[in-house]
Amino acid sequence: MAKAGAVIRFGLVCSVCGSRNYVTSKNKLENKEKITLSKYCRHCRKHTEHKENEKLGK
């Protein structure tokens, strides 16, 4: 179980068009590096690389 405050929420931003399409969370104690995923961008209408952008509130 994660400690209080260890899990953060952040947005995933398309590397092609720059739109924020997804919001997800991670345990910052276990995963210190930034996340890069291949996700579907509805603005580009194809799968593109999405990178971790900014921390969001709870």
PDB file of N, CA and C in Angstrom:
ATOM      1  N   MET A   1       0.830  -1.170   0.000  1.00  0.00           N
ATOM      2  CA  MET A   1       0.000   0.000   0.000  1.00  0.00           C
ATOM      3  C   MET A   1       0.879   1.240   0.000  1.00  0.00           C
ATOM      4  N   ALA A   2       0.480   2.236  -0.758  1.00  0.00           N
ATOM      5  CA  ALA A   2       1.261   3.466  -0.875  1.00  0.00           C
ATOM      6  C   ALA A   2       1.051   4.372   0.323  1.00  0.00           C
ATOM      7  N   LYS A   3       2.091   5.102   0.680  1.00  0.00           N
ATOM      8  CA  LYS A   3       1.995   6.065   1.764  1.00  0.00           C
ATOM      9  C   LYS A   3       1.122   7.232   1.328  1.00  0.00           C
ATOM     10  N   ALA A   4       0.586   7.954   2.299  1.00  0.00           N
ATOM     11  CA  ALA A   4      -0.224   9.126   1.983  1.00  0.00           C
ATOM     12  C   ALA A   4       0.646  10.159   1.284  1.00  0.00           C
ATOM     13  N   GLY A   5       0.191  10.665   0.163  1.00  0.00           N
ATOM     14  CA  GLY A   5       0.950  11.640  -0.594  1.00  0.00           C
ATOM     15  C   GLY A   5       1.937  11.041  -1.566  1.00  0.00           C
ATOM     16  N   ALA A   6       2.043   9.737  -1.640  1.00  0.00           N
ATOM     17  CA  ALA A   6       2.995   9.111  -2.549  1.00  0.00           C
ATOM     18  C   ALA A   6       2.429   8.996  -3.955  1.00  0.00           C
ATOM     19  N   VAL A   7       1.120   8.957  -4.105  1.00  0.00           N
ATOM     20  CA  VAL A   7       0.482   8.813  -5.408  1.00  0.00           C
ATOM     21  C   VAL A   7       0.119  10.194  -5.933  1.00  0.00           C
ATOM     22  N   ILE A   8       0.565  10.503  -7.159  1.00  0.00           N
ATOM     23  CA  ILE A   8       0.260  11.788  -7.765  1.00  0.00           C
ATOM     24  C   ILE A   8      -0.520  11.577  -9.055  1.00  0.00           C
ATOM     25  N   ARG A   9      -1.355  12.552  -9.412  1.00  0.00           N
ATOM     26  CA  ARG A   9      -2.091  12.552 -10.672  1.00  0.00           C
ATOM     27  C   ARG A   9      -1.421  13.520 -11.622  1.00  0.00           C
ATOM     28  N   PHE A  10      -1.397  13.176 -12.908  1.00  0.00           N
ATOM     29  CA  PHE A  10      -0.768  14.037 -13.904  1.00  0.00           C
ATOM     30  C   PHE A  10      -1.440  13.828 -15.247  1.00  0.00           C
ATOM     31  N   GLY A  11      -1.202  14.757 -16.166  1.00  0.00           N
ATOM     32  CA  GLY A  11      -1.764  14.675 -17.499  1.00  0.00           C
ATOM     33  C   GLY A  11      -0.772  14.102 -18.485  1.00  0.00           C
ATOM     34  N   LEU A  12      -1.299  13.423 -19.500  1.00  0.00           N
ATOM     35  CA  LEU A  12      -0.475  12.919 -20.603  1.00  0.00           C
ATOM     36  C   LEU A  12      -0.722  13.806 -21.818  1.00  0.00           C
ATOM     37  N   VAL A  13       0.350  14.341 -22.401  1.00  0.00           N
ATOM     38  CA  VAL A  13       0.251  15.292 -23.500  1.00  0.00           C
ATOM     39  C   VAL A  13       0.778  14.655 -24.780  1.00  0.00           C
ATOM     40  N   CYS A  14       0.035  14.848 -25.864  1.00  0.00           N
ATOM     41  CA  CYS A  14       0.445  14.332 -27.179  1.00  0.00           C
ATOM     42  C   CYS A  14       1.703  15.063 -27.628  1.00  0.00           C
ATOM     43  N   SER A  15       2.706  14.318 -28.089  1.00  0.00           N
ATOM     44  CA  SER A  15       3.958  14.932 -28.521  1.00  0.00           C
ATOM     45  C   SER A  15       3.843  15.559 -29.910  1.00  0.00           C
ATOM     46  N   VAL A  16       2.775  15.244 -30.660  1.00  0.00           N
ATOM     47  CA  VAL A  16       2.606  15.793 -32.002  1.00  0.00           C
ATOM     48  C   VAL A  16       1.827  17.108 -31.967  1.00  0.00           C
ATOM     49  N   CYS A  17       0.622  17.092 -31.398  1.00  0.00           N
ATOM     50  CA  CYS A  17      -0.230  18.290 -31.432  1.00  0.00           C
ATOM     51  C   CYS A  17      -0.222  19.071 -30.121  1.00  0.00           C
ATOM     52  N   GLY A  18       0.230  18.476 -29.019  1.00  0.00           N
ATOM     53  CA  GLY A  18       0.335  19.186 -27.751  1.00  0.00           C
ATOM     54  C   GLY A  18      -0.925  19.211 -26.916  1.00  0.00           C
ATOM     55  N   SER A  19      -1.956  18.469 -27.289  1.00  0.00           N
ATOM     56  CA  SER A  19      -3.192  18.467 -26.511  1.00  0.00           C
ATOM     57  C   SER A  19      -3.105  17.446 -25.379  1.00  0.00           C
ATOM     58  N   ARG A  20      -3.703  17.797 -24.235  1.00  0.00           N
ATOM     59  CA  ARG A  20      -3.712  16.889 -23.088  1.00  0.00           C
ATOM     60  C   ARG A  20      -4.960  16.021 -23.194  1.00  0.00           C
ATOM     61  N   ASN A  21      -4.765  14.727 -23.429  1.00  0.00           N
ATOM     62  CA  ASN A  21      -5.858  13.819 -23.707  1.00  0.00           C
ATOM     63  C   ASN A  21      -6.194  12.889 -22.552  1.00  0.00           C
ATOM     64  N   TYR A  22      -5.249  12.594 -21.690  1.00  0.00           N
ATOM     65  CA  TYR A  22      -5.450  11.597 -20.646  1.00  0.00           C
ATOM     66  C   TYR A  22      -4.974  12.128 -19.302  1.00  0.00           C
ATOM     67  N   VAL A  23      -5.608  11.661 -18.236  1.00  0.00           N
ATOM     68  CA  VAL A  23      -5.188  11.929 -16.870  1.00  0.00           C
ATOM     69  C   VAL A  23      -5.004  10.582 -16.197  1.00  0.00           C
ATOM     70  N   THR A  24      -3.864  10.381 -15.553  1.00  0.00           N
ATOM     71  CA  THR A  24      -3.560   9.121 -14.894  1.00  0.00           C
ATOM     72  C   THR A  24      -2.796   9.394 -13.611  1.00  0.00           C
ATOM     73  N   SER A  25      -2.408   8.346 -12.914  1.00  0.00           N
ATOM     74  CA  SER A  25      -1.689   8.512 -11.656  1.00  0.00           C
ATOM     75  C   SER A  25      -0.554   7.504 -11.573  1.00  0.00           C
ATOM     76  N   LYS A  26       0.401   7.794 -10.668  1.00  0.00           N
ATOM     77  CA  LYS A  26       1.506   6.878 -10.439  1.00  0.00           C
ATOM     78  C   LYS A  26       2.016   7.078  -9.023  1.00  0.00           C
ATOM     79  N   ASN A  27       2.749   6.087  -8.533  1.00  0.00           N
ATOM     80  CA  ASN A  27       3.393   6.173  -7.231  1.00  0.00           C
ATOM     81  C   ASN A  27       4.766   6.789  -7.446  1.00  0.00           C
ATOM     82  N   LYS A  28       4.968   7.998  -6.936  1.00  0.00           N
ATOM     83  CA  LYS A  28       6.219   8.701  -7.194  1.00  0.00           C
ATOM     84  C   LYS A  28       7.406   8.109  -6.447  1.00  0.00           C
ATOM     85  N   LEU A  29       7.163   7.272  -5.450  1.00  0.00           N
ATOM     86  CA  LEU A  29       8.262   6.626  -4.735  1.00  0.00           C
ATOM     87  C   LEU A  29       8.821   5.446  -5.524  1.00  0.00           C
ATOM     88  N   GLU A  30       7.971   4.751  -6.285  1.00  0.00           N
ATOM     89  CA  GLU A  30       8.403   3.598  -7.070  1.00  0.00           C
ATOM     90  C   GLU A  30       8.878   3.992  -8.464  1.00  0.00           C
ATOM     91  N   ASN A  31       8.208   4.964  -9.095  1.00  0.00           N
ATOM     92  CA  ASN A  31       8.517   5.374 -10.467  1.00  0.00           C
ATOM     93  C   ASN A  31       8.947   6.832 -10.461  1.00  0.00           C
ATOM     94  N   LYS A  32      10.244   7.051 -10.443  1.00  0.00           N
ATOM     95  CA  LYS A  32      10.750   8.423 -10.388  1.00  0.00           C
ATOM     96  C   LYS A  32      10.904   9.054 -11.762  1.00  0.00           C
ATOM     97  N   GLU A  33      11.077   8.247 -12.811  1.00  0.00           N
ATOM     98  CA  GLU A  33      11.250   8.802 -14.150  1.00  0.00           C
ATOM     99  C   GLU A  33       9.894   9.162 -14.755  1.00  0.00           C
ATOM    100  N   LYS A  34       9.932  10.032 -15.776  1.00  0.00           N
ATOM    101  CA  LYS A  34       8.702  10.445 -16.443  1.00  0.00           C
ATOM    102  C   LYS A  34       8.203   9.320 -17.344  1.00  0.00           C
ATOM    103  N   ILE A  35       6.895   9.216 -17.457  1.00  0.00           N
ATOM    104  CA  ILE A  35       6.256   8.151 -18.221  1.00  0.00           C
ATOM    105  C   ILE A  35       6.026   8.611 -19.661  1.00  0.00           C
ATOM    106  N   THR A  36       6.284   7.724 -20.620  1.00  0.00           N
ATOM    107  CA  THR A  36       5.973   7.942 -22.028  1.00  0.00           C
ATOM    108  C   THR A  36       5.219   6.717 -22.524  1.00  0.00           C
ATOM    109  N   LEU A  37       4.011   6.948 -23.044  1.00  0.00           N
ATOM    110  CA  LEU A  37       3.153   5.858 -23.510  1.00  0.00           C
ATOM    111  C   LEU A  37       2.679   6.127 -24.927  1.00  0.00           C
ATOM    112  N   SER A  38       2.383   5.082 -25.662  1.00  0.00           N
ATOM    113  CA  SER A  38       1.763   5.202 -26.970  1.00  0.00           C
ATOM    114  C   SER A  38       0.254   5.104 -26.767  1.00  0.00           C
ATOM    115  N   LYS A  39      -0.439   6.229 -26.984  1.00  0.00           N
ATOM    116  CA  LYS A  39      -1.878   6.290 -26.768  1.00  0.00           C
ATOM    117  C   LYS A  39      -2.539   6.877 -28.011  1.00  0.00           C
ATOM    118  N   TYR A  40      -3.862   6.733 -28.106  1.00  0.00           N
ATOM    119  CA  TYR A  40      -4.619   7.281 -29.226  1.00  0.00           C
ATOM    120  C   TYR A  40      -4.926   8.755 -28.978  1.00  0.00           C
ATOM    121  N   CYS A  41      -4.618   9.609 -29.943  1.00  0.00           N
ATOM    122  CA  CYS A  41      -4.937  11.037 -29.868  1.00  0.00           C
ATOM    123  C   CYS A  41      -6.135  11.298 -30.765  1.00  0.00           C
ATOM    124  N   ARG A  42      -7.204  11.804 -30.193  1.00  0.00           N
ATOM    125  CA  ARG A  42      -8.414  12.029 -30.993  1.00  0.00           C
ATOM    126  C   ARG A  42      -8.277  13.245 -31.903  1.00  0.00           C
ATOM    127  N   HIS A  43      -7.336  14.137 -31.612  1.00  0.00           N
ATOM    128  CA  HIS A  43      -7.126  15.298 -32.466  1.00  0.00           C
ATOM    129  C   HIS A  43      -6.291  14.937 -33.695  1.00  0.00           C
ATOM    130  N   CYS A  44      -5.274  14.096 -33.510  1.00  0.00           N
ATOM    131  CA  CYS A  44      -4.438  13.624 -34.622  1.00  0.00           C
ATOM    132  C   CYS A  44      -5.075  12.442 -35.342  1.00  0.00           C
ATOM    133  N   ARG A  45      -5.995  11.747 -34.671  1.00  0.00           N
ATOM    134  CA  ARG A  45      -6.679  10.557 -35.177  1.00  0.00           C
ATOM    135  C   ARG A  45      -5.725   9.406 -35.463  1.00  0.00           C
ATOM    136  N   LYS A  46      -4.716   9.232 -34.582  1.00  0.00           N
ATOM    137  CA  LYS A  46      -3.786   8.105 -34.700  1.00  0.00           C
ATOM    138  C   LYS A  46      -3.081   7.911 -33.370  1.00  0.00           C
ATOM    139  N   HIS A  47      -2.365   6.802 -33.238  1.00  0.00           N
ATOM    140  CA  HIS A  47      -1.590   6.538 -32.039  1.00  0.00           C
ATOM    141  C   HIS A  47      -0.301   7.352 -32.088  1.00  0.00           C
ATOM    142  N   THR A  48      -0.033   8.091 -31.020  1.00  0.00           N
ATOM    143  CA  THR A  48       1.171   8.909 -30.923  1.00  0.00           C
ATOM    144  C   THR A  48       1.777   8.735 -29.538  1.00  0.00           C
ATOM    145  N   GLU A  49       2.988   9.229 -29.354  1.00  0.00           N
ATOM    146  CA  GLU A  49       3.641   9.209 -28.054  1.00  0.00           C
ATOM    147  C   GLU A  49       2.993  10.277 -27.164  1.00  0.00           C
ATOM    148  N   HIS A  50       2.633   9.876 -25.959  1.00  0.00           N
ATOM    149  CA  HIS A  50       2.108  10.804 -24.964  1.00  0.00           C
ATOM    150  C   HIS A  50       3.081  10.815 -23.787  1.00  0.00           C
ATOM    151  N   LYS A  51       3.462  12.026 -23.359  1.00  0.00           N
ATOM    152  CA  LYS A  51       4.442  12.179 -22.293  1.00  0.00           C
ATOM    153  C   LYS A  51       3.800  12.801 -21.065  1.00  0.00           C
ATOM    154  N   GLU A  52       4.349  12.441 -19.910  1.00  0.00           N
ATOM    155  CA  GLU A  52       3.897  13.003 -18.637  1.00  0.00           C
ATOM    156  C   GLU A  52       4.177  14.501 -18.630  1.00  0.00           C
ATOM    157  N   ASN A  53       3.153  15.288 -18.233  1.00  0.00           N
ATOM    158  CA  ASN A  53       3.319  16.727 -18.287  1.00  0.00           C
ATOM    159  C   ASN A  53       3.327  17.381 -16.925  1.00  0.00           C
ATOM    160  N   GLU A  54       2.198  17.585 -16.316  1.00  0.00           N
ATOM    161  CA  GLU A  54       2.128  18.364 -15.091  1.00  0.00           C
ATOM    162  C   GLU A  54       1.348  17.643 -14.011  1.00  0.00           C
ATOM    163  N   LYS A  55       1.675  17.939 -12.779  1.00  0.00           N
ATOM    164  CA  LYS A  55       0.976  17.357 -11.655  1.00  0.00           C
ATOM    165  C   LYS A  55      -0.362  18.061 -11.483  1.00  0.00           C
ATOM    166  N   LEU A  56      -1.420  17.296 -11.273  1.00  0.00           N
ATOM    167  CA  LEU A  56      -2.751  17.830 -11.049  1.00  0.00           C
ATOM    168  C   LEU A  56      -3.123  17.689  -9.576  1.00  0.00           C
ATOM    169  N   GLY A  57      -4.165  18.360  -9.170  1.00  0.00           N
ATOM    170  CA  GLY A  57      -4.630  18.257  -7.799  1.00  0.00           C
ATOM    171  C   GLY A  57      -5.230  16.901  -7.498  1.00  0.00           C
ATOM    172  N   LYS A  58      -5.593  16.663  -6.245  1.00  0.00           N
ATOM    173  CA  LYS A  58      -6.176  15.379  -5.842  1.00  0.00           C
ATOM    174  C   LYS A  58      -7.511  15.268  -6.445  1.00  0.00           C
TER     175      LYS A  58
END
